[in-house]
Amino acid sequence: MHFSVSFSAYGFSSHFLGDIGGLVFTSFIGIGKEVRDFFSPSGTAEIGDLLADMAGIIAARIYIKEQFTSKPLIILYILF
């Protein structure tokens, strides 16, 4: 689930924020979720979740770079 959320979040945010902005935004989502899990009594922070987040970001970046010359709103392209 972390992979797919990060893939989608990067695809969406990089359209509006650029490559670096999408990376920062999506990384903060993943890191923020793990920080919340660390401090939550019912959550468990896991390094594997962060790795899946980074893998999703990297995969989305590669997909966008190889498939498109311009950056479409990737999530709409995939859904429709």
Protein backbone atom coordinates (compact mmCIF):
# COMPACT_ATOMS: atom_id res chain seq x y z
CA MET A 1 0.00 0.00 0.00
CA HIS A 2 2.87 2.39 0.76
CA PHE A 3 4.26 1.85 -2.74
CA SER A 4 0.98 2.64 -4.49
CA VAL A 5 0.18 5.68 -2.35
CA SER A 6 3.65 7.13 -2.90
CA PHE A 7 3.49 6.39 -6.63
CA SER A 8 0.15 8.21 -6.91
CA ALA A 9 1.13 11.07 -4.59
CA TYR A 10 4.34 11.72 -6.51
CA GLY A 11 2.53 11.57 -9.85
CA PHE A 12 -0.05 14.06 -8.64
CA SER A 13 2.21 16.43 -6.74
CA SER A 14 5.03 16.53 -9.31
CA HIS A 15 2.55 17.84 -11.86
CA PHE A 16 1.93 20.91 -9.72
CA LEU A 17 5.16 21.22 -7.71
CA GLY A 18 7.79 19.97 -10.15
CA ASP A 19 10.19 17.08 -9.64
CA ILE A 20 11.83 18.32 -6.45
CA GLY A 21 8.58 19.61 -4.98
CA GLY A 22 6.89 16.28 -5.68
CA LEU A 23 9.79 14.43 -4.07
CA VAL A 24 9.72 16.61 -0.96
CA PHE A 25 5.92 16.56 -0.66
CA THR A 26 5.63 12.80 -1.08
CA SER A 27 8.59 12.12 1.23
CA PHE A 28 6.96 14.23 3.93
CA ILE A 29 3.77 12.22 3.58
CA GLY A 30 5.66 8.94 4.11
CA ILE A 31 7.90 10.23 6.89
CA GLY A 32 4.97 11.95 8.60
CA LYS A 33 2.97 8.74 8.58
CA GLU A 34 5.83 6.82 10.17
CA VAL A 35 6.36 9.52 12.81
CA ARG A 36 2.66 9.32 13.64
CA ASP A 37 2.93 5.52 13.87
CA PHE A 38 5.97 5.83 16.16
CA PHE A 39 4.13 8.04 18.65
CA SER A 40 0.74 6.34 18.33
CA PRO A 41 -0.01 3.57 20.83
CA SER A 42 -1.71 1.52 18.12
CA GLY A 43 0.79 2.14 15.31
CA THR A 44 4.15 0.60 14.52
CA ALA A 45 6.80 2.52 12.61
CA GLU A 46 8.70 0.31 10.17
CA ILE A 47 11.72 0.98 8.00
CA GLY A 48 10.18 -1.28 5.35
CA ASP A 49 7.32 1.18 4.99
CA LEU A 50 9.75 4.01 4.30
CA LEU A 51 11.58 1.87 1.76
CA ALA A 52 8.29 1.10 0.02
CA ASP A 53 7.51 4.83 -0.02
CA MET A 54 10.85 5.62 -1.66
CA ALA A 55 10.42 2.77 -4.15
CA GLY A 56 7.01 4.18 -5.14
CA ILE A 57 8.49 7.65 -5.66
CA ILE A 58 11.36 6.30 -7.75
CA ALA A 59 9.06 4.09 -9.83
CA ALA A 60 6.69 7.00 -10.51
CA ARG A 61 9.61 9.23 -11.51
CA ILE A 62 10.96 6.61 -13.91
CA TYR A 63 7.49 5.94 -15.32
CA ILE A 64 6.79 9.61 -15.93
CA LYS A 65 10.23 10.27 -17.41
CA GLU A 66 10.09 7.34 -19.83
CA GLN A 67 6.43 7.53 -20.86
CA PHE A 68 5.79 11.23 -21.27
CA THR A 69 7.59 14.16 -22.84
CA SER A 70 5.36 16.57 -20.94
CA LYS A 71 4.05 15.92 -17.45
CA PRO A 72 0.37 15.06 -17.57
CA LEU A 73 -1.61 14.70 -14.43
CA ILE A 74 -0.51 11.05 -14.19
CA ILE A 75 -3.25 9.89 -11.89
CA LEU A 76 -5.92 11.02 -14.36
CA TYR A 77 -4.03 9.41 -17.22
CA ILE A 78 -3.89 6.08 -15.39
CA LEU A 79 -7.53 6.19 -14.27
CA PHE A 80 -9.07 7.34 -17.52
